[in-house]
Amino acid sequence: MMVIDQWKTFLTKETSILPLAIFRMAFGFLMAFSMVRFIYNGWIETCYTTPEFHITYQYFDWVSPFDVTTMYTIVILCALSALCIGLGFLYRIATIIFFVSFTYLELIEKSWYLNHYYFVSLVAFLLILVPANRNISLVAKYHPKIKLSTVPNWTIVIVKLQLCVVYFFGGIAKLKADWLLNAQPLKIWLKAKTDIPLIGWLFEYDITPYLFSWSGMLYDLTIPFLLWSKNTRPIAYLLVVIFHILTHILFPIGMFPWLMIFGSLVFITHQEWNKILAYFQLKISIYGSGNYKTKPILFPILLLFFCVQTLLPLRHFFLTDNVLWTENGFRFSWHVMVMEKNGFTEFTVVDNTTKKRWKEYPSKRLTTIQEKQMSFQPDMIWQYAQFLNKKYQEKGFTNVSIYVNSKVSLNGRPSKRYITANKNLLEITNVDDIYGFIEE
């Protein structure tokens, strides 16, 4: 009971709203920019409207794209809602619209899965639950009565915890022989970066990938604790900036480094901000007379949320001995940049009535990214076989078998057979059963 009371006191005590407001602004403006970038790069057509077939997530087969005009409308709405989050304008409506629209866009196409897309959806959900707009926002400027100078500590703690989940389980994912003993896949990637100005020469040395692998693992496992402690926070945040800027320079992983750099600002307290600004003879003062009352229903919701966030990244330990090879439980477990995987697939279709057989090459029907991702992910291979069966049924072939010739290379190893070649994929009625036909 004493421990429970201590946690209750810790979570409900009042703390400055400043870190939460700064996080809201950083997240909102960054995501608004990200959505505009998505439109500018032409990814709406590439991801949503051009593909003949969409590889959907399990249990979300019902999620599908609309026509191109509607998809542009949804992405623009997503960008505008993110901008409103940053400005603190129509905040509750904006957070709900952003969460729903962004998650919908994410669920349309599995081949585009990225860890930071998942992270954005989780953070957007958490922002719905907190009063992050009640200072340093448009609504607070024009309606000062709603201003808060303090908020319950839990409103900031949940954001910190979500960031820590990403870091910590990202570190757990690196506790593998490939990463620590073989320095893979960094050995492959860094050898291709020797032409980078100023630092490229470092990657010519055999020891460099090992230094990067071990430091990356130690960084992920320790940075949550270093950020949480006021004694180590200054050096910790400096490490965050250095680590993620270096990651941005070396690897094309989109907005993830910037999400972590700006997201980690939530750890910096009001008092620490004033110490930083004191060097420029500036000071932040937060005034507000409003009072925020926590709804009791929020605690069970958040408890369930973080139980899922703790258990989901661990599920692969119960599903497979080699998650990098089988990818059973790989998604949503924060396996960030831990493998270089390449595959080749060709399908053989057999008309069981006439005994005729012919080859089907995925490049005929899939986009480049769909073909690449499908070639080494078993559930996608199974889904594509079901799609082919449907296409041939539409042509009048009602009794066919489909086999796959698949070869995969993991972290620089020679490629080898992946899915059992003589297994008719149409006999596998459940997507989870495909993992039983992976040759290890």
Protein backbone atom coordinates (compact mmCIF):
# COMPACT_ATOMS: atom_id res chain seq x y z
CA MET A 1 0.00 0.00 0.00
CA MET A 2 2.86 2.37 0.80
CA VAL A 3 4.32 1.92 -2.71
CA ILE A 4 0.90 2.55 -4.29
CA ASP A 5 0.45 5.70 -2.22
CA GLN A 6 3.91 6.93 -3.22
CA TRP A 7 3.12 6.41 -6.90
CA LYS A 8 -0.23 8.11 -6.53
CA THR A 9 1.44 11.11 -4.89
CA PHE A 10 4.11 11.20 -7.61
CA LEU A 11 1.59 11.07 -10.46
CA THR A 12 -0.90 13.57 -9.06
CA LYS A 13 1.44 16.24 -7.72
CA GLU A 14 1.40 19.52 -9.60
CA THR A 15 4.22 20.43 -11.96
CA SER A 16 4.79 23.20 -14.52
CA ILE A 17 2.86 22.87 -17.77
CA LEU A 18 5.82 24.24 -19.77
CA PRO A 19 7.44 20.90 -20.80
CA LEU A 20 4.06 19.57 -21.95
CA ALA A 21 3.29 22.74 -23.94
CA ILE A 22 6.72 22.71 -25.60
CA PHE A 23 6.32 19.04 -26.50
CA ARG A 24 2.89 19.75 -28.00
CA MET A 25 4.27 22.56 -30.16
CA ALA A 26 7.30 20.57 -31.32
CA PHE A 27 5.22 17.51 -32.15
CA GLY A 28 2.47 19.43 -33.93
CA PHE A 29 4.71 21.60 -36.12
CA LEU A 30 7.01 18.70 -36.96
CA MET A 31 4.12 16.49 -38.03
CA ALA A 32 2.56 19.29 -40.06
CA PHE A 33 5.85 19.64 -41.92
CA SER A 34 6.04 15.86 -42.31
CA MET A 35 2.60 15.66 -43.93
CA VAL A 36 3.41 18.52 -46.33
CA ARG A 37 6.61 16.63 -47.20
CA PHE A 38 4.52 13.53 -47.86
CA ILE A 39 2.42 15.43 -50.38
CA TYR A 40 5.42 17.16 -51.98
CA ASN A 41 7.21 13.85 -52.60
CA GLY A 42 4.21 12.40 -54.41
CA TRP A 43 3.80 9.61 -51.90
CA ILE A 44 0.00 9.81 -51.87
CA GLU A 45 -0.09 8.32 -55.36
CA THR A 46 2.86 5.98 -54.75
CA CYS A 47 1.50 4.56 -51.51
CA TYR A 48 -2.28 4.80 -51.77
CA THR A 49 -3.75 5.23 -55.22
CA THR A 50 -1.30 3.64 -57.69
CA PRO A 51 -0.93 0.09 -56.28
CA GLU A 52 -3.23 -2.57 -57.70
CA PHE A 53 -3.10 -4.43 -54.41
CA HIS A 54 -2.61 -3.24 -50.82
CA ILE A 55 -0.84 -5.44 -48.28
CA THR A 56 -2.95 -4.86 -45.19
CA TYR A 57 -2.36 -5.47 -41.50
CA GLN A 58 -3.88 -8.49 -39.82
CA TYR A 59 -7.41 -7.73 -38.56
CA PHE A 60 -7.43 -4.51 -40.64
CA ASP A 61 -8.25 -5.96 -44.06
CA TRP A 62 -11.27 -3.64 -44.13
CA VAL A 63 -9.03 -0.53 -44.25
CA SER A 64 -8.63 0.62 -47.85
CA PRO A 65 -7.83 3.88 -49.67
CA PHE A 66 -10.32 6.17 -51.39
CA ASP A 67 -9.88 7.91 -54.73
CA VAL A 68 -6.93 10.26 -55.19
CA THR A 69 -8.91 13.45 -54.47
CA THR A 70 -10.25 12.07 -51.20
CA MET A 71 -6.79 10.82 -50.19
CA TYR A 72 -5.32 14.28 -50.78
CA THR A 73 -8.14 15.73 -48.69
CA ILE A 74 -7.41 13.33 -45.82
CA VAL A 75 -3.66 14.04 -45.86
CA ILE A 76 -4.26 17.80 -45.99
CA LEU A 77 -6.73 17.47 -43.10
CA CYS A 78 -4.08 15.49 -41.21
CA ALA A 79 -1.52 18.26 -41.84
CA LEU A 80 -3.93 21.01 -40.76
CA SER A 81 -4.88 19.16 -37.59
CA ALA A 82 -1.17 18.75 -36.76
CA LEU A 83 -0.70 22.49 -37.30
CA CYS A 84 -3.64 23.14 -34.95
CA ILE A 85 -1.99 20.91 -32.34
CA GLY A 86 1.19 22.96 -32.61
CA LEU A 87 -0.76 26.20 -32.29
CA GLY A 88 -3.00 24.87 -29.53
CA PHE A 89 -6.09 25.80 -31.56
CA LEU A 90 -9.21 23.61 -31.44
CA TYR A 91 -6.90 21.26 -29.62
CA ARG A 92 -9.18 18.41 -28.59
CA ILE A 93 -10.79 18.19 -32.00
CA ALA A 94 -7.42 18.50 -33.73
CA THR A 95 -5.78 15.71 -31.70
CA ILE A 96 -8.66 13.33 -32.39
CA ILE A 97 -8.69 14.15 -36.12
CA PHE A 98 -4.92 13.80 -36.35
CA PHE A 99 -4.86 10.49 -34.48
CA VAL A 100 -7.67 8.99 -36.57
CA SER A 101 -6.46 10.29 -39.93
CA PHE A 102 -2.78 9.48 -39.40
CA THR A 103 -3.52 5.99 -38.07
CA TYR A 104 -5.88 5.37 -40.99
CA LEU A 105 -3.15 6.37 -43.46
CA GLU A 106 -0.69 4.11 -41.66
CA LEU A 107 -3.01 1.09 -41.75
CA ILE A 108 -3.66 1.17 -45.50
CA GLU A 109 -0.32 -0.29 -46.57
CA LYS A 110 1.84 -2.63 -44.47
CA SER A 111 4.85 -2.47 -46.78
CA TRP A 112 5.33 1.16 -45.72
CA TYR A 113 5.53 0.26 -42.02
CA LEU A 114 8.07 2.30 -40.07
CA ASN A 115 8.59 2.34 -36.32
CA HIS A 116 8.18 6.09 -36.13
CA TYR A 117 4.77 5.97 -37.87
CA TYR A 118 3.63 3.70 -35.07
CA PHE A 119 5.26 6.00 -32.51
CA VAL A 120 3.40 9.02 -33.92
CA SER A 121 0.05 7.27 -33.57
CA LEU A 122 0.79 6.37 -29.96
CA VAL A 123 1.84 9.90 -29.05
CA ALA A 124 -1.18 11.37 -30.83
CA PHE A 125 -3.43 9.15 -28.73
CA LEU A 126 -1.74 10.29 -25.51
CA LEU A 127 -2.09 13.95 -26.51
CA ILE A 128 -5.86 13.49 -26.70
CA LEU A 129 -5.85 12.76 -22.97
CA VAL A 130 -3.79 15.72 -21.69
CA PRO A 131 -4.43 19.50 -21.45
CA ALA A 132 -1.32 20.42 -23.44
CA ASN A 133 -3.04 23.42 -25.04
CA ARG A 134 -3.80 25.35 -21.87
CA ASN A 135 -0.76 27.59 -22.02
CA ILE A 136 1.50 28.95 -24.75
CA SER A 137 -1.29 28.46 -27.29
CA LEU A 138 -3.77 30.46 -29.33
CA VAL A 139 -6.69 29.43 -27.19
CA ALA A 140 -4.85 30.43 -24.00
CA LYS A 141 -3.96 33.80 -25.51
CA TYR A 142 -7.53 34.71 -26.38
CA HIS A 143 -9.21 32.89 -23.48
CA PRO A 144 -6.83 33.46 -20.53
CA LYS A 145 -9.34 31.99 -18.06
CA ILE A 146 -8.46 28.49 -19.25
CA LYS A 147 -4.73 28.98 -18.67
CA LEU A 148 -2.94 26.54 -16.41
CA SER A 149 0.39 27.21 -14.79
CA THR A 150 0.61 23.63 -13.49
CA VAL A 151 -0.72 20.23 -14.47
CA PRO A 152 -0.76 16.87 -12.71
CA ASN A 153 2.57 15.13 -13.10
CA TRP A 154 1.05 12.14 -14.90
CA THR A 155 0.29 14.28 -17.97
CA ILE A 156 4.02 14.67 -18.57
CA VAL A 157 5.10 11.29 -17.21
CA ILE A 158 3.08 9.36 -19.82
CA VAL A 159 4.88 11.17 -22.66
CA LYS A 160 8.25 10.48 -21.02
CA LEU A 161 7.33 6.83 -20.56
CA GLN A 162 6.41 6.44 -24.22
CA LEU A 163 9.76 7.85 -25.28
CA CYS A 164 11.50 5.54 -22.81
CA VAL A 165 9.65 2.53 -24.23
CA VAL A 166 11.03 3.30 -27.70
CA TYR A 167 14.57 3.71 -26.44
CA PHE A 168 14.63 0.82 -23.98
CA PHE A 169 13.09 -1.83 -26.21
CA GLY A 170 15.21 -0.53 -29.07
CA GLY A 171 18.17 -1.40 -26.86
CA ILE A 172 16.75 -4.81 -25.97
CA ALA A 173 16.38 -5.52 -29.70
CA LYS A 174 20.12 -4.91 -30.14
CA LEU A 175 21.12 -7.59 -27.62
CA LYS A 176 21.75 -10.04 -30.43
CA ALA A 177 24.89 -11.74 -31.71
CA ASP A 178 24.53 -10.15 -35.14
CA TRP A 179 24.55 -6.66 -33.65
CA LEU A 180 27.14 -7.08 -30.90
CA LEU A 181 29.49 -9.80 -32.15
CA ASN A 182 29.25 -9.33 -35.93
CA ALA A 183 28.48 -5.58 -36.02
CA GLN A 184 25.76 -6.30 -38.54
CA PRO A 185 24.10 -4.62 -40.32
CA LEU A 186 26.28 -1.57 -39.53
CA LYS A 187 29.28 -3.29 -41.10
CA ILE A 188 27.40 -3.31 -44.41
CA TRP A 189 25.91 0.16 -44.14
CA LEU A 190 28.95 2.08 -42.92
CA LYS A 191 31.24 0.66 -45.59
CA ALA A 192 28.98 2.39 -48.10
CA LYS A 193 29.36 5.78 -46.34
CA THR A 194 33.09 6.40 -46.80
CA ASP A 195 32.37 9.32 -49.15
CA ILE A 196 30.64 11.41 -46.45
CA PRO A 197 32.59 14.65 -45.87
CA LEU A 198 34.66 14.98 -42.68
CA ILE A 199 33.71 11.65 -41.12
CA GLY A 200 33.69 9.25 -44.06
CA TRP A 201 37.28 8.15 -43.45
CA LEU A 202 36.25 6.64 -40.12
CA PHE A 203 34.18 4.00 -41.87
CA GLU A 204 37.19 2.53 -43.62
CA TYR A 205 38.33 0.95 -40.35
CA ASP A 206 37.03 -2.51 -39.41
CA ILE A 207 36.59 -1.52 -35.77
CA THR A 208 34.21 1.38 -36.50
CA PRO A 209 31.05 -0.74 -36.99
CA TYR A 210 31.72 -2.49 -33.68
CA LEU A 211 32.14 0.83 -31.87
CA PHE A 212 28.88 2.08 -33.40
CA SER A 213 27.03 -1.16 -32.59
CA TRP A 214 28.05 -1.25 -28.94
CA SER A 215 27.60 2.47 -28.38
CA GLY A 216 24.17 2.32 -30.04
CA MET A 217 23.08 -0.51 -27.76
CA LEU A 218 24.40 1.23 -24.63
CA TYR A 219 22.84 4.51 -25.71
CA ASP A 220 19.37 3.00 -26.15
CA LEU A 221 19.45 1.12 -22.85
CA THR A 222 20.77 3.98 -20.72
CA ILE A 223 19.44 7.19 -22.26
CA PRO A 224 15.95 6.89 -20.66
CA PHE A 225 17.51 6.79 -17.19
CA LEU A 226 20.00 9.55 -17.99
CA LEU A 227 17.23 11.82 -19.29
CA TRP A 228 15.06 11.17 -16.26
CA SER A 229 17.77 12.12 -13.76
CA LYS A 230 18.29 15.86 -13.27
CA ASN A 231 21.99 15.27 -12.56
CA THR A 232 22.70 13.63 -15.92
CA ARG A 233 20.01 15.32 -18.04
CA PRO A 234 22.20 18.04 -19.61
CA ILE A 235 24.78 15.59 -20.95
CA ALA A 236 22.00 13.14 -21.83
CA TYR A 237 20.17 15.63 -24.02
CA LEU A 238 23.44 16.58 -25.70
CA LEU A 239 23.92 12.88 -26.47
CA VAL A 240 20.39 12.74 -27.89
CA VAL A 241 21.14 15.58 -30.27
CA ILE A 242 24.52 14.19 -31.36
CA PHE A 243 23.23 10.63 -31.74
CA HIS A 244 20.19 11.51 -33.82
CA ILE A 245 21.88 14.10 -36.03
CA LEU A 246 24.54 11.51 -36.81
CA THR A 247 21.79 8.98 -37.51
CA HIS A 248 20.09 11.47 -39.84
CA ILE A 249 23.34 12.06 -41.74
CA LEU A 250 24.16 8.37 -42.12
CA PHE A 251 20.80 6.74 -42.70
CA PRO A 252 17.66 7.70 -44.66
CA ILE A 253 15.08 7.06 -41.92
CA GLY A 254 12.88 10.10 -42.44
CA MET A 255 11.55 12.09 -39.49
CA PHE A 256 12.48 9.66 -36.73
CA PRO A 257 15.69 11.45 -35.58
CA TRP A 258 13.87 14.77 -35.35
CA LEU A 259 10.94 13.24 -33.50
CA MET A 260 13.32 11.94 -30.86
CA ILE A 261 15.36 15.15 -30.63
CA PHE A 262 12.35 17.43 -30.20
CA GLY A 263 10.32 14.84 -28.29
CA SER A 264 13.05 14.52 -25.66
CA LEU A 265 12.54 18.19 -24.80
CA VAL A 266 9.70 17.01 -22.57
CA PHE A 267 12.32 15.91 -20.01
CA ILE A 268 13.63 19.48 -19.56
CA THR A 269 11.90 21.13 -16.60
CA HIS A 270 10.70 24.70 -16.25
CA GLN A 271 13.56 25.53 -13.92
CA GLU A 272 16.10 24.09 -16.35
CA TRP A 273 14.66 26.13 -19.19
CA ASN A 274 15.12 29.28 -17.15
CA LYS A 275 18.73 28.33 -16.40
CA ILE A 276 19.34 27.85 -20.12
CA LEU A 277 17.66 31.13 -21.03
CA ALA A 278 19.48 33.00 -18.27
CA TYR A 279 22.56 32.99 -20.49
CA PHE A 280 20.57 35.14 -22.93
CA GLN A 281 19.04 37.22 -20.11
CA LEU A 282 15.63 35.71 -20.81
CA LYS A 283 13.14 33.95 -18.60
CA ILE A 284 9.93 32.01 -19.13
CA SER A 285 7.09 32.75 -16.73
CA ILE A 286 3.91 30.69 -16.88
CA TYR A 287 0.79 32.30 -15.45
CA GLY A 288 -2.60 30.68 -15.11
CA SER A 289 -5.40 30.46 -12.61
CA GLY A 290 -7.26 27.54 -14.10
CA ASN A 291 -7.58 24.20 -12.35
CA TYR A 292 -7.33 20.80 -14.04
CA LYS A 293 -9.12 17.86 -12.51
CA THR A 294 -8.06 14.39 -13.58
CA LYS A 295 -10.90 12.13 -14.68
CA PRO A 296 -10.62 8.82 -12.74
CA ILE A 297 -11.35 6.79 -15.91
CA LEU A 298 -8.02 7.91 -17.41
CA PHE A 299 -5.87 5.83 -15.06
CA PRO A 300 -7.30 2.42 -16.08
CA ILE A 301 -6.99 3.47 -19.74
CA LEU A 302 -3.36 4.49 -19.30
CA LEU A 303 -2.55 1.38 -17.25
CA LEU A 304 -3.91 -0.82 -20.05
CA PHE A 305 -2.08 1.28 -22.66
CA PHE A 306 1.31 0.86 -21.02
CA CYS A 307 0.74 -2.81 -20.24
CA VAL A 308 0.26 -3.34 -23.97
CA GLN A 309 3.32 -1.19 -24.72
CA THR A 310 5.38 -3.33 -22.36
CA LEU A 311 4.13 -6.74 -23.48
CA LEU A 312 3.83 -6.19 -27.23
CA PRO A 313 7.58 -5.68 -27.80
CA LEU A 314 8.28 -8.90 -25.89
CA ARG A 315 5.87 -11.18 -27.74
CA HIS A 316 8.42 -12.32 -30.30
CA PHE A 317 10.36 -14.13 -27.54
CA PHE A 318 7.37 -16.48 -27.24
CA LEU A 319 6.81 -16.81 -31.00
CA THR A 320 10.21 -17.48 -32.53
CA ASP A 321 13.85 -18.13 -31.74
CA ASN A 322 15.10 -15.83 -34.49
CA VAL A 323 12.81 -12.87 -35.01
CA LEU A 324 15.13 -11.28 -37.59
CA TRP A 325 14.76 -14.30 -39.85
CA THR A 326 11.12 -15.23 -39.32
CA GLU A 327 9.82 -11.70 -38.50
CA ASN A 328 7.13 -13.31 -36.37
CA GLY A 329 6.38 -10.54 -33.87
CA PHE A 330 8.88 -8.16 -35.47
CA ARG A 331 6.58 -5.17 -36.02
CA PHE A 332 5.60 -2.92 -33.10
CA SER A 333 8.54 -4.22 -31.05
CA TRP A 334 10.97 -1.36 -31.72
CA HIS A 335 13.49 -3.36 -33.74
CA VAL A 336 14.99 -0.17 -35.12
CA MET A 337 17.70 -0.61 -37.77
CA VAL A 338 18.86 -4.03 -36.59
CA MET A 339 18.88 -5.90 -39.89
CA GLU A 340 19.72 -5.71 -43.56
CA LYS A 341 17.50 -8.16 -45.35
CA ASN A 342 17.11 -8.82 -49.07
CA GLY A 343 14.93 -11.33 -50.80
CA PHE A 344 13.88 -12.79 -54.13
CA THR A 345 10.48 -14.31 -54.86
CA GLU A 346 8.82 -15.85 -57.86
CA PHE A 347 5.50 -17.63 -57.76
CA THR A 348 4.40 -20.66 -59.69
CA VAL A 349 0.70 -20.99 -60.50
CA VAL A 350 -0.61 -24.48 -61.34
CA ASP A 351 -3.98 -25.02 -62.99
CA ASN A 352 -5.00 -28.28 -61.33
CA THR A 353 -7.59 -28.96 -64.04
CA THR A 354 -5.28 -28.76 -67.07
CA LYS A 355 -2.00 -29.37 -65.17
CA LYS A 356 -0.51 -26.30 -66.85
CA ARG A 357 1.87 -24.19 -64.82
CA TRP A 358 3.40 -20.74 -65.26
CA LYS A 359 5.51 -18.18 -63.43
CA GLU A 360 4.21 -15.04 -61.73
CA TYR A 361 6.72 -12.29 -60.95
CA PRO A 362 5.65 -9.81 -58.25
CA SER A 363 7.08 -6.84 -60.18
CA LYS A 364 4.18 -7.29 -62.61
CA ARG A 365 1.58 -6.28 -60.02
CA LEU A 366 3.39 -4.66 -57.07
CA THR A 367 5.14 -1.35 -56.58
CA THR A 368 8.89 -1.36 -55.97
CA ILE A 369 8.60 -0.99 -52.19
CA GLN A 370 5.82 -3.60 -51.99
CA GLU A 371 7.90 -6.10 -53.94
CA LYS A 372 11.00 -5.47 -51.85
CA GLN A 373 9.25 -5.75 -48.49
CA MET A 374 7.13 -8.72 -49.52
CA SER A 375 10.18 -10.69 -50.68
CA PHE A 376 11.40 -11.33 -47.12
CA GLN A 377 8.25 -11.08 -44.97
CA PRO A 378 6.28 -14.36 -44.72
CA ASP A 379 2.88 -12.87 -43.97
CA MET A 380 3.14 -10.61 -47.01
CA ILE A 381 4.11 -13.57 -49.21
CA TRP A 382 1.00 -15.41 -48.00
CA GLN A 383 -1.19 -12.35 -48.59
CA TYR A 384 0.13 -11.92 -52.11
CA ALA A 385 -0.63 -15.57 -52.89
CA GLN A 386 -4.23 -15.02 -51.76
CA PHE A 387 -4.41 -11.96 -54.01
CA LEU A 388 -3.12 -13.96 -56.99
CA ASN A 389 -5.71 -16.65 -56.34
CA LYS A 390 -8.45 -14.04 -56.36
CA LYS A 391 -7.18 -12.55 -59.64
CA TYR A 392 -7.12 -15.95 -61.32
CA GLN A 393 -10.57 -16.83 -60.02
CA GLU A 394 -11.83 -13.65 -61.69
CA LYS A 395 -10.35 -15.01 -64.94
CA GLY A 396 -12.16 -18.32 -64.54
CA PHE A 397 -9.37 -20.39 -62.99
CA THR A 398 -11.25 -21.87 -60.05
CA ASN A 399 -8.85 -24.66 -59.12
CA VAL A 400 -5.27 -23.49 -58.88
CA SER A 401 -2.32 -24.06 -56.58
CA ILE A 402 0.32 -21.41 -55.87
CA TYR A 403 3.90 -22.09 -54.83
CA VAL A 404 6.69 -19.67 -54.06
CA ASN A 405 10.39 -19.87 -54.82
CA SER A 406 11.87 -17.54 -52.22
CA LYS A 407 15.43 -16.87 -51.17
CA VAL A 408 16.52 -14.43 -48.48
CA SER A 409 19.82 -12.98 -47.27
CA LEU A 410 20.07 -11.68 -43.70
CA ASN A 411 22.82 -9.33 -42.54
CA GLY A 412 25.31 -10.19 -45.24
CA ARG A 413 24.89 -13.97 -45.12
CA PRO A 414 24.54 -15.95 -48.36
CA SER A 415 20.93 -16.17 -49.46
CA LYS A 416 19.06 -19.39 -48.77
CA ARG A 417 15.60 -20.82 -49.27
CA TYR A 418 13.00 -19.08 -47.15
CA ILE A 419 9.53 -20.62 -47.57
CA THR A 420 9.09 -24.34 -48.25
CA ALA A 421 9.00 -24.52 -52.06
CA ASN A 422 6.64 -27.50 -52.40
CA LYS A 423 3.93 -26.11 -50.13
CA ASN A 424 0.75 -24.90 -51.82
CA LEU A 425 0.25 -21.50 -50.18
CA LEU A 426 -3.50 -21.70 -50.76
CA GLU A 427 -3.70 -24.66 -48.38
CA ILE A 428 -2.60 -22.32 -45.59
CA THR A 429 -5.86 -20.81 -44.41
CA ASN A 430 -4.51 -18.61 -41.61
CA VAL A 431 -1.76 -16.06 -42.06
CA ASP A 432 -0.13 -17.04 -38.75
CA ASP A 433 0.42 -20.59 -40.05
CA ILE A 434 2.84 -19.40 -42.77
CA TYR A 435 5.57 -19.08 -40.13
CA GLY A 436 5.54 -22.86 -39.77
CA PHE A 437 6.85 -23.22 -43.33
CA ILE A 438 9.93 -21.02 -42.94
CA GLU A 439 13.14 -22.97 -43.48
CA GLU A 440 15.62 -22.05 -40.76
